[in-house]
Protein backbone atom coordinates (compact mmCIF):
# COMPACT_ATOMS: atom_id res chain seq x y z
CA MET A 1 49.55 13.32 43.61
CA THR A 2 46.30 11.93 44.49
CA GLY A 3 45.10 12.13 40.86
CA ILE A 4 48.28 10.59 39.55
CA ASN A 5 47.93 7.71 41.94
CA THR A 6 44.39 7.11 40.98
CA ARG A 7 45.24 7.03 37.20
CA LYS A 8 48.02 4.56 37.96
CA ILE A 9 45.66 2.34 39.88
CA PHE A 10 43.06 2.56 37.13
CA PHE A 11 45.71 1.80 34.52
CA TRP A 12 46.86 -1.18 36.27
CA LEU A 13 43.40 -2.42 36.94
CA LEU A 14 42.68 -2.21 33.24
CA THR A 15 45.94 -4.01 32.55
CA LEU A 16 45.15 -6.84 34.82
CA PHE A 17 41.56 -7.10 33.54
CA PHE A 18 42.92 -7.17 29.91
CA ILE A 19 45.44 -9.97 30.86
CA PHE A 20 42.73 -11.86 32.60
CA THR A 21 40.30 -11.60 29.78
CA ALA A 22 43.01 -12.55 27.31
CA LEU A 23 43.82 -15.69 29.41
CA LEU A 24 40.10 -16.51 29.51
CA VAL A 25 39.78 -16.10 25.78
CA ILE A 26 42.95 -18.22 25.19
CA PHE A 27 41.71 -20.89 27.59
CA TYR A 28 38.37 -20.88 25.91
CA THR A 29 39.95 -21.15 22.52
CA LEU A 30 41.99 -24.19 23.66
CA GLY A 31 38.82 -25.93 24.81
CA TYR A 32 38.79 -25.02 28.57
CA ARG A 33 35.61 -24.10 30.45
CA PHE A 34 35.25 -23.05 34.06
CA ASN A 35 33.17 -25.15 36.30
CA PHE A 36 31.58 -22.87 38.88
CA LYS A 37 30.47 -25.81 41.11
CA ARG A 38 34.00 -27.22 41.34
CA GLY A 39 35.90 -23.87 40.93
CA ILE A 40 38.27 -25.14 38.38
CA PHE A 41 38.83 -25.16 34.61
CA ILE A 42 37.83 -28.30 32.70
CA TYR A 43 39.41 -29.28 29.42
CA THR A 44 36.37 -29.98 27.17
CA GLY A 45 35.97 -32.19 24.06
CA ALA A 46 34.19 -31.87 20.75
CA VAL A 47 31.76 -33.50 18.47
CA THR A 48 32.19 -33.75 14.60
CA VAL A 49 29.20 -34.70 12.53
CA LYS A 50 28.95 -35.41 8.70
CA SER A 51 25.39 -36.00 7.77
CA LEU A 52 23.17 -36.66 4.83
CA PRO A 53 21.12 -34.47 4.23
CA GLN A 54 23.71 -31.66 5.09
CA LYS A 55 21.27 -29.04 6.37
CA VAL A 56 20.42 -30.44 9.80
CA SER A 57 19.79 -29.10 13.29
CA ILE A 58 22.04 -30.49 15.96
CA PHE A 59 20.94 -31.04 19.57
CA ILE A 60 22.97 -31.92 22.49
CA ASP A 61 21.05 -32.91 25.59
CA ASP A 62 17.96 -31.44 24.15
CA GLU A 63 19.66 -27.96 23.50
CA PRO A 64 19.94 -26.63 19.92
CA ILE A 65 23.59 -26.03 18.82
CA SER A 66 23.96 -22.79 17.11
CA ASN A 67 27.76 -22.32 17.12
CA LYS A 68 28.60 -25.33 15.04
CA ARG A 69 31.42 -24.67 12.50
CA THR A 70 31.11 -25.96 8.90
CA ASN A 71 34.21 -27.54 7.48
CA TYR A 72 33.73 -27.40 3.65
CA LEU A 73 36.89 -29.53 3.07
CA ASN A 74 35.41 -32.67 4.50
CA ASN A 75 31.84 -31.71 4.56
CA SER A 76 31.24 -31.85 8.25
CA TYR A 77 30.13 -29.82 11.21
CA HIS A 78 32.39 -29.34 14.22
CA ILE A 79 31.09 -28.52 17.71
CA ASN A 80 33.76 -27.35 20.36
CA GLY A 81 33.41 -26.79 24.10
CA VAL A 82 31.45 -29.96 24.86
CA LYS A 83 31.85 -31.14 28.43
CA PRO A 84 33.56 -34.46 28.92
CA ARG A 85 30.73 -36.73 29.94
CA SER A 86 27.94 -38.69 28.37
CA HIS A 87 25.48 -36.67 26.19
CA LEU A 88 22.37 -37.28 24.07
CA LEU A 89 23.21 -36.18 20.43
CA GLU A 90 20.35 -35.69 18.14
CA ILE A 91 20.35 -34.81 14.39
CA LYS A 92 17.09 -33.40 12.88
CA ALA A 93 15.79 -32.03 9.71
CA PRO A 94 12.34 -31.10 8.54
CA GLY A 95 10.57 -34.06 6.80
CA TYR A 96 13.29 -36.63 7.98
CA ASN A 97 13.36 -39.17 10.89
CA THR A 98 15.56 -38.27 13.65
CA TRP A 99 18.91 -39.81 14.31
CA PHE A 100 20.11 -40.03 17.93
CA LYS A 101 22.77 -41.56 20.17
CA LYS A 102 24.19 -41.35 23.57
CA VAL A 103 27.73 -40.24 22.95
CA ALA A 104 30.83 -40.23 25.35
CA VAL A 105 32.77 -37.08 25.05
CA HIS A 106 36.45 -36.98 26.42
CA SER A 107 38.71 -34.16 27.21
CA GLY A 108 40.77 -32.89 24.14
CA VAL A 109 39.23 -35.45 21.83
CA SER A 110 36.62 -34.95 19.05
CA THR A 111 34.01 -37.78 19.01
CA GLU A 112 33.25 -38.22 15.31
CA PHE A 113 30.31 -39.41 13.32
CA TRP A 114 31.15 -39.46 9.73
CA ASN A 115 28.17 -41.40 8.32
CA VAL A 116 24.94 -39.99 9.86
CA LEU A 117 22.11 -40.87 7.54
CA LEU A 118 18.57 -39.51 7.94
CA THR A 119 15.79 -41.07 6.02
CA LYS A 120 12.68 -39.18 4.86
CA GLU A 121 9.35 -39.52 6.67
CA ARG A 122 7.78 -40.13 3.38
CA TYR A 123 9.13 -40.94 -0.24
CA SER A 124 7.09 -40.35 -3.43
CA PRO A 125 7.80 -43.51 -5.45
CA GLU A 126 7.91 -43.26 -9.27
CA LYS A 127 5.96 -45.91 -10.87
CA TYR A 128 7.05 -47.50 -14.25
CA PHE A 129 5.00 -49.15 -17.11
CA ALA A 130 6.35 -52.55 -16.14
CA HIS A 131 3.61 -55.04 -14.66
CA LYS A 132 3.39 -58.70 -13.46
CA ILE A 133 7.09 -58.74 -12.52
CA GLU A 134 8.62 -61.87 -11.01
CA LYS A 135 12.20 -60.57 -10.96
CA PHE A 136 14.15 -57.73 -12.52
CA PHE A 137 17.91 -57.01 -13.24
CA ILE A 138 19.41 -53.64 -13.85
CA SER A 139 21.83 -53.01 -16.72
CA PRO A 140 25.25 -51.90 -15.47
CA LYS A 141 25.65 -49.18 -18.03
CA SER A 142 22.60 -48.34 -20.10
CA LYS A 143 19.44 -47.18 -18.40
CA LYS A 144 17.61 -50.44 -19.06
CA ILE A 145 16.06 -53.10 -16.90
CA ALA A 146 15.30 -56.66 -17.83
CA TYR A 147 12.37 -58.25 -16.14
CA VAL A 148 10.77 -61.60 -15.98
CA GLN A 149 6.94 -62.31 -16.41
CA ASN A 150 5.01 -65.56 -16.07
CA GLU A 151 1.74 -65.42 -17.77
CA GLN A 152 -0.82 -67.72 -15.95
CA LYS A 153 -3.34 -67.77 -18.72
CA THR A 154 -1.11 -68.68 -21.56
CA GLY A 155 1.70 -70.51 -19.56
CA GLU A 156 4.26 -68.35 -21.19
CA PHE A 157 7.54 -67.39 -19.71
CA LEU A 158 8.58 -63.80 -20.83
CA VAL A 159 11.57 -61.49 -20.58
CA LYS A 160 11.04 -57.82 -21.32
CA ILE A 161 13.29 -54.85 -21.47
CA LEU A 162 12.24 -51.56 -19.89
CA ASP A 163 14.02 -48.29 -21.12
CA ILE A 164 13.94 -46.12 -17.97
CA GLU A 165 14.24 -42.93 -19.93
CA THR A 166 11.35 -43.56 -22.31
CA GLY A 167 9.24 -45.69 -20.10
CA ILE A 168 8.66 -48.25 -22.99
CA SER A 169 8.91 -51.85 -22.43
CA GLU A 170 9.74 -54.43 -25.21
CA ASN A 171 9.28 -58.19 -25.28
CA ILE A 172 12.65 -59.88 -26.27
CA PHE A 173 11.98 -63.56 -25.14
CA SER A 174 9.07 -65.82 -24.71
CA SER A 175 8.75 -69.46 -24.29
CA LYS A 176 6.12 -72.06 -23.25
CA GLU A 177 8.60 -74.90 -23.11
CA TYR A 178 10.92 -73.46 -20.56
CA LYS A 179 10.58 -71.67 -17.29
CA PHE A 180 12.81 -69.12 -15.71
CA SER A 181 15.43 -70.71 -13.31
CA THR A 182 14.34 -71.41 -9.83
CA ASP A 183 18.04 -71.49 -8.65
CA GLY A 184 18.32 -68.42 -6.53
CA THR A 185 22.06 -68.08 -7.36
CA GLU A 186 21.45 -67.58 -11.07
CA ASN A 187 20.20 -64.36 -12.53
CA ILE A 188 19.83 -62.75 -15.82
CA GLU A 189 23.24 -61.35 -16.52
CA TRP A 190 23.89 -58.29 -18.65
CA SER A 191 27.03 -58.18 -20.93
CA PRO A 192 29.66 -55.53 -19.96
CA GLN A 193 28.53 -53.39 -22.86
CA ALA A 194 24.79 -53.96 -22.10
CA HIS A 195 24.21 -55.18 -25.74
CA LYS A 196 23.30 -58.77 -24.83
CA ILE A 197 21.93 -60.85 -21.75
CA ILE A 198 22.03 -64.37 -20.52
CA ILE A 199 18.72 -65.87 -19.43
CA PRO A 200 18.96 -68.86 -17.18
CA ALA A 201 16.08 -71.32 -17.82
CA GLN A 202 14.92 -74.81 -16.99
CA GLU A 203 12.73 -77.69 -17.95
CA GLU A 204 12.41 -81.20 -16.72
CA SER A 205 15.60 -82.44 -18.34
CA GLY A 206 17.78 -79.78 -16.66
CA LYS A 207 19.27 -76.23 -16.99
CA TYR A 208 19.42 -74.17 -20.26
CA TYR A 209 20.82 -70.73 -21.12
CA PHE A 210 19.63 -68.37 -23.78
CA ILE A 211 21.75 -65.60 -25.24
CA ILE A 212 19.73 -62.70 -26.28
CA ASP A 213 20.85 -59.76 -28.49
CA ILE A 214 18.97 -56.65 -27.31
CA GLU A 215 19.10 -54.79 -30.61
CA ASN A 216 17.79 -57.41 -32.94
CA LYS A 217 15.96 -59.40 -30.38
CA GLN A 218 17.53 -62.71 -31.57
CA ALA A 219 17.55 -65.54 -29.05
CA VAL A 220 20.13 -68.47 -29.22
CA ASN A 221 19.93 -71.56 -27.02
CA PHE A 222 23.50 -71.87 -25.68
CA LYS A 223 23.42 -75.73 -26.08
CA ASP A 224 22.99 -75.25 -29.79
CA ILE A 225 26.25 -73.31 -29.92
CA VAL A 226 28.48 -75.73 -27.85
CA SER A 227 26.50 -78.99 -28.27
CA GLU A 228 27.35 -80.06 -24.66
CA LYS A 229 25.13 -81.24 -21.84
CA LYS A 230 24.93 -80.34 -18.23
CA ILE A 231 26.06 -76.63 -18.74
CA ARG A 232 26.18 -74.51 -15.77
CA ASN A 233 27.52 -71.18 -14.43
CA VAL A 234 27.56 -69.25 -17.73
CA ARG A 235 29.10 -65.87 -17.14
CA TRP A 236 30.09 -62.94 -19.49
CA ASP A 237 33.76 -62.29 -19.85
CA PRO A 238 34.23 -58.93 -17.96
CA SER A 239 37.05 -57.67 -20.24
CA SER A 240 36.26 -58.91 -23.77
CA LYS A 241 33.10 -58.34 -25.73
CA ASP A 242 31.33 -61.42 -27.01
CA PHE A 243 33.26 -64.00 -24.82
CA LEU A 244 31.58 -66.29 -22.34
CA PHE A 245 32.68 -68.57 -19.55
CA TYR A 246 30.89 -71.74 -18.67
CA VAL A 247 31.45 -75.07 -16.79
CA THR A 248 30.54 -78.53 -18.14
CA GLU A 249 31.71 -81.91 -16.88
CA GLY A 250 33.87 -80.08 -14.28
CA CYS A 251 35.78 -78.14 -16.87
CA LEU A 252 35.89 -74.31 -17.11
CA HIS A 253 35.46 -73.08 -20.72
CA ARG A 254 36.06 -69.70 -22.35
CA LEU A 255 34.01 -69.42 -25.54
CA ASN A 256 34.08 -66.82 -28.40
CA LEU A 257 30.40 -66.35 -29.50
CA ASN A 258 31.55 -64.91 -32.92
CA ASP A 259 33.71 -68.02 -33.49
CA PRO A 260 32.46 -71.04 -31.42
CA GLU A 261 35.50 -72.97 -32.64
CA GLU A 262 37.48 -70.94 -30.38
CA ASN A 263 36.50 -72.70 -27.15
CA ASN A 264 39.37 -73.07 -24.66
CA ILE A 265 39.40 -75.25 -21.60
CA LEU A 266 41.14 -73.08 -18.93
CA ALA A 267 40.85 -75.31 -15.81
CA GLN A 268 39.62 -78.72 -14.89
CA ASN A 269 37.84 -80.26 -11.82
CA ILE A 270 36.12 -77.06 -11.07
CA ALA A 271 33.74 -76.76 -8.05
CA GLY A 272 33.10 -73.03 -8.52
CA TYR A 273 34.69 -69.91 -9.98
CA ASP A 274 34.68 -66.09 -10.04
CA LEU A 275 35.97 -63.53 -12.37
CA SER A 276 37.89 -60.25 -12.06
CA SER A 277 38.95 -57.92 -14.73
CA SER A 278 42.12 -59.80 -15.37
CA ASP A 279 42.00 -63.10 -13.42
CA ILE A 280 39.90 -66.20 -12.74
CA PHE A 281 39.50 -67.54 -9.26
CA TYR A 282 38.47 -71.13 -8.92
CA LEU A 283 37.99 -73.84 -6.44
CA GLN A 284 39.30 -77.16 -7.45
CA SER A 285 37.07 -80.06 -6.61
CA GLY A 286 39.96 -82.57 -6.30
CA ASN A 287 41.70 -80.93 -3.43
CA GLY A 288 39.59 -78.10 -2.13
CA ILE A 289 42.10 -75.49 -3.01
CA ILE A 290 41.55 -72.08 -4.46
CA TYR A 291 43.69 -71.01 -7.44
CA LYS A 292 44.05 -67.94 -9.57
CA ALA A 293 44.93 -67.86 -13.28
CA ASP A 294 44.95 -65.49 -16.24
CA LEU A 295 41.43 -64.62 -17.52
CA LYS A 296 42.08 -65.12 -21.23
CA ASN A 297 44.13 -68.27 -21.33
CA GLY A 298 44.16 -69.98 -17.85
CA LYS A 299 47.96 -69.61 -17.66
CA SER A 300 50.14 -68.29 -14.80
CA GLU A 301 48.27 -70.43 -12.43
CA LYS A 302 48.89 -69.56 -8.69
CA GLN A 303 47.63 -71.46 -5.65
CA ILE A 304 45.97 -69.14 -3.23
CA THR A 305 44.88 -71.23 -0.20
CA THR A 306 46.72 -74.05 1.43
CA SER A 307 43.95 -75.41 3.67
CA PRO A 308 41.29 -77.51 1.87
CA ILE A 309 37.51 -76.73 1.79
CA SER A 310 35.73 -79.91 2.72
CA GLY A 311 33.12 -81.22 0.36
CA ALA A 312 34.72 -79.67 -2.74
CA GLU A 313 34.03 -82.72 -4.70
CA SER A 314 30.52 -81.27 -5.20
CA SER A 315 30.04 -78.91 -7.95
CA ASN A 316 27.66 -76.54 -6.32
CA PHE A 317 29.99 -74.07 -4.82
CA ARG A 318 29.95 -70.22 -5.11
CA VAL A 319 33.30 -68.22 -5.20
CA ILE A 320 33.18 -64.57 -4.44
CA ALA A 321 36.60 -62.94 -4.91
CA TYR A 322 37.45 -59.29 -4.19
CA ASP A 323 41.17 -59.92 -5.03
CA GLU A 324 43.82 -62.83 -4.47
CA LYS A 325 43.94 -61.73 -0.69
CA ARG A 326 40.16 -61.59 0.07
CA ILE A 327 37.91 -64.48 -1.13
CA ALA A 328 34.55 -65.99 0.21
CA VAL A 329 33.22 -69.30 -0.64
CA ILE A 330 29.65 -70.67 -0.05
CA SER A 331 29.31 -74.40 -0.19
CA GLY A 332 26.14 -76.19 -1.55
CA ASP A 333 25.05 -76.68 2.03
CA LYS A 334 25.25 -72.95 2.75
CA LYS A 335 28.46 -72.97 4.81
CA LEU A 336 30.67 -69.93 4.43
CA TYR A 337 34.42 -69.95 4.13
CA ILE A 338 36.41 -66.80 4.38
CA TYR A 339 40.06 -66.50 3.17
CA ASN A 340 41.67 -63.26 4.16
CA ASP A 341 45.47 -62.58 3.67
CA GLY A 342 45.47 -59.64 6.01
CA GLU A 343 48.06 -57.02 7.14
CA LYS A 344 48.54 -58.88 10.40
CA GLU A 345 47.97 -62.56 9.64
CA LYS A 346 46.33 -65.04 7.22
CA TYR A 347 42.85 -65.99 8.11
CA PHE A 348 41.04 -68.96 6.75
CA ASN A 349 37.92 -69.99 8.67
CA GLN A 350 34.37 -71.16 8.47
CA PRO A 351 32.51 -68.72 10.59
CA ALA A 352 28.85 -69.57 9.97
CA GLY A 353 26.31 -71.75 8.28
CA GLU A 354 22.95 -71.45 6.55
CA ILE A 355 24.45 -68.42 4.61
CA LEU A 356 22.29 -67.03 1.82
CA GLY A 357 24.60 -64.41 0.30
CA VAL A 358 27.79 -62.22 0.65
CA GLN A 359 28.97 -58.98 -0.63
CA PHE A 360 32.39 -57.20 -0.38
CA SER A 361 32.45 -53.43 0.18
CA ASN A 362 34.04 -51.40 -2.75
CA ASP A 363 37.30 -50.94 -0.78
CA GLY A 364 37.41 -54.74 0.19
CA LYS A 365 37.76 -53.84 3.91
CA LYS A 366 34.34 -55.33 4.76
CA LEU A 367 32.33 -58.45 3.88
CA LEU A 368 28.64 -58.43 4.36
CA TYR A 369 26.95 -61.81 4.84
CA TRP A 370 23.54 -62.99 5.99
CA THR A 371 21.20 -65.83 6.87
CA ASP A 372 17.41 -65.63 6.66
CA ARG A 373 17.21 -63.97 10.14
CA GLU A 374 20.60 -62.35 10.87
CA ILE A 375 23.03 -59.91 9.09
CA PHE A 376 26.80 -59.95 9.85
CA VAL A 377 29.80 -57.84 8.78
CA TYR A 378 33.37 -59.25 8.82
CA PHE A 379 36.23 -56.73 8.76
CA THR A 380 39.17 -57.73 6.55
CA ARG A 381 41.35 -54.76 7.58
CA ASP A 382 41.86 -52.48 10.42
CA TRP A 383 39.66 -49.37 10.33
CA ASP A 384 41.14 -46.39 12.41
CA VAL A 385 38.35 -44.00 11.72
CA GLN A 386 35.75 -43.65 14.52
CA PRO A 387 34.36 -46.14 15.31
CA ALA A 388 37.50 -48.26 15.05
CA ARG A 389 37.26 -51.80 13.82
CA MET A 390 39.82 -54.56 14.01
CA GLU A 391 41.11 -56.95 11.23
CA ASN A 392 39.32 -60.39 11.52
CA GLU A 393 36.62 -58.99 13.63
CA THR A 394 33.02 -60.06 13.00
CA LYS A 395 29.97 -58.20 14.13
CA LEU A 396 26.36 -59.28 14.43
CA ILE A 397 24.57 -56.12 12.81
CA THR A 398 20.96 -57.22 13.42
CA ARG A 399 18.49 -60.05 14.13
CA PHE A 400 14.89 -60.36 13.25
CA SER A 401 12.35 -62.92 14.31
CA ARG A 402 10.87 -62.81 10.70
CA GLN A 403 12.66 -63.47 7.45
CA ILE A 404 15.08 -60.84 6.18
CA LYS A 405 15.40 -60.30 2.28
CA ASN A 406 17.06 -58.11 -0.08
CA VAL A 407 20.26 -57.65 1.96
CA GLN A 408 22.81 -55.33 0.27
CA TRP A 409 25.28 -52.51 0.98
CA SER A 410 24.27 -48.94 0.79
CA LYS A 411 26.21 -46.42 -1.28
CA GLU A 412 28.93 -45.49 1.21
CA TYR A 413 29.23 -49.03 2.57
CA GLU A 414 28.64 -47.88 6.16
CA HIS A 415 24.82 -48.82 6.12
CA ILE A 416 22.98 -51.86 5.08
CA ILE A 417 19.80 -51.95 3.18
CA PHE A 418 17.32 -54.84 3.61
CA SER A 419 13.54 -55.72 3.81
CA ALA A 420 11.73 -57.21 6.74
CA GLU A 421 8.13 -57.31 7.91
CA ASN A 422 6.92 -55.64 4.59
CA VAL A 423 9.34 -52.62 4.94
CA ILE A 424 12.55 -51.62 3.19
CA LYS A 425 14.92 -50.64 6.07
CA ILE A 426 18.42 -49.39 6.56
CA ILE A 427 20.70 -49.95 9.40
CA GLU A 428 24.10 -48.34 10.34
CA LEU A 429 27.23 -50.25 11.23
CA ASP A 430 28.19 -47.85 13.93
CA ARG A 431 27.50 -49.76 17.10
CA ARG A 432 28.24 -46.97 19.64
CA ASP A 433 25.18 -46.91 22.05
CA HIS A 434 22.92 -48.52 19.39
CA ARG A 435 22.52 -48.94 15.72
CA ASN A 436 20.05 -46.55 14.23
CA THR A 437 17.55 -48.53 12.17
CA MET A 438 15.23 -46.40 9.96
CA ASP A 439 12.37 -47.26 7.66
CA ILE A 440 12.62 -46.20 4.03
CA VAL A 441 9.38 -47.47 2.38
CA LYS A 442 6.38 -49.60 3.58
CA LEU A 443 5.40 -52.29 1.05
CA ASN A 444 2.11 -54.07 0.41
CA SER A 445 3.97 -57.43 -0.03
CA ASP A 446 6.61 -59.38 1.75
CA ASN A 447 7.89 -60.88 -1.51
CA SER A 448 9.08 -57.64 -3.05
CA GLN A 449 12.52 -57.38 -4.81
CA VAL A 450 14.71 -54.48 -3.90
CA ILE A 451 17.90 -53.26 -5.71
CA ALA A 452 19.97 -50.06 -4.99
CA ASN A 453 21.38 -48.52 -8.15
CA PHE A 454 24.25 -46.32 -6.84
CA SER A 455 25.06 -44.74 -10.26
CA GLU A 456 21.66 -43.24 -10.37
CA ASN A 457 21.05 -42.69 -6.61
CA LYS A 458 17.88 -44.66 -6.93
CA LEU A 459 16.35 -47.61 -5.11
CA TYR A 460 14.26 -49.92 -7.37
CA PHE A 461 11.64 -52.13 -5.84
CA THR A 462 8.52 -54.21 -6.90
CA ASP A 463 5.34 -54.10 -4.89
CA ILE A 464 1.79 -55.34 -5.29
CA ASN A 465 -0.61 -53.05 -6.96
CA GLU A 466 -3.17 -51.97 -4.49
CA ASN A 467 -6.14 -52.88 -6.93
CA GLU A 468 -4.50 -56.00 -8.38
CA SER A 469 -2.58 -59.09 -7.31
CA PHE A 470 0.57 -58.65 -9.47
CA SER A 471 3.68 -56.53 -8.90
CA ASP A 472 4.68 -53.26 -10.49
CA LEU A 473 8.03 -51.53 -10.60
CA TYR A 474 8.72 -48.44 -8.61
CA SER A 475 11.80 -46.30 -7.56
CA ILE A 476 12.72 -43.59 -5.21
CA GLU A 477 15.67 -41.22 -5.03
CA PHE A 478 17.96 -42.77 -2.45
CA PRO A 479 20.30 -41.74 -0.94
CA ASP A 480 19.11 -38.05 -0.83
CA LYS A 481 21.33 -35.74 -3.15
CA ASN A 482 20.79 -32.93 -0.72
CA GLY A 483 24.32 -32.83 0.55
CA PHE A 484 27.13 -30.24 0.86
CA LEU A 485 27.31 -28.04 -2.14
CA GLY A 486 24.37 -29.85 -3.67
CA GLN A 487 26.34 -33.09 -3.95
């Protein structure tokens, strides 16, 4: 009897131990952890991280995390069992600058960081055979770059085309009579098929535009085609080859370069305009109202705004349209007007002055704008992904005591690239704890031009040659291609 009782007791002890262990495993799996100091179970939280590069080491409160789970569906790491309180989260990788934040973890919730970007400690720039560069402009399709030179000895203004693949530069335009336009809002514009470019130029009598055929290197002064004076805002038609838009005497024209007799007036009293693939958006100088019309014939006119923009009788306005619901306008005196027909309400306001430029994100949910010292982002729609943003919310991203230049979106539109204090930098939008600002490349000049080319994953920039006083063209691979599955 004694042996049987002993076995029964042993059996029930094992059973109770199994049940207790199973409960502990279930509790652990559900995210509970036992707090020995307080003698209770605590429901933990989690941290989710998606980073570039993908192969990173994650530290929480200086402790390396080895039990992170990799989610290949959304390219992220997931860390369970994090106690609900404030933690120091660090993301590290060999040869990269460290990303860090103090993060607040809550019970039963995953604190998410979907856009962690680490910059390399050192990049190796590729140098191109393109010297004495004043400005450069990247072709949207072919791997070519148009750049401007001003020869001090001869007094010539030159435009050359660099073939990125061959490294060969060819001269396609030169003039001693004209200079490249000093109007910062006008640039060399490539045609949609990259077969021609528009060069804005000037002399004492005013503005001029040259149409250059890249293949045969033929240059035509636009005034010789249309025989009109005070031409401005010459743009390529985004949908039809060999068509141009331009404004003269307040009228918006669409011209067929192959048949100049086909020159239609699409709208009158124009203070500024922008083009989409199918529509024209224009600000009318008479009433300060924005309209939309058909790109090819100016018909199907639709009034977009109801409140007038003051000072629209001036012709020096810039219209930047994402679609008919999201439009920005910069006046000649650098005031910014934002029209946003949002999901909650219509917003039409003048949020700031001294604005130098604006850019919409690719999804139209964010508008980047900047002065010479500050960078802002305005949110046109709610954003539910952490960190959440609200429609019609404006955030100051950064402020510098020295001039900020070359402001532009990064590839994923959650970071902003800019240059300041002779350094190309990048800053994140995520304002939790602080915004990580990282250096990309240190420059020898504070007048360098920087352009990100997302299709090539390259960042192009000019910099003064160490042994000379002129600028050369360089590029680096950015952002890093070392992501999940080699993406």
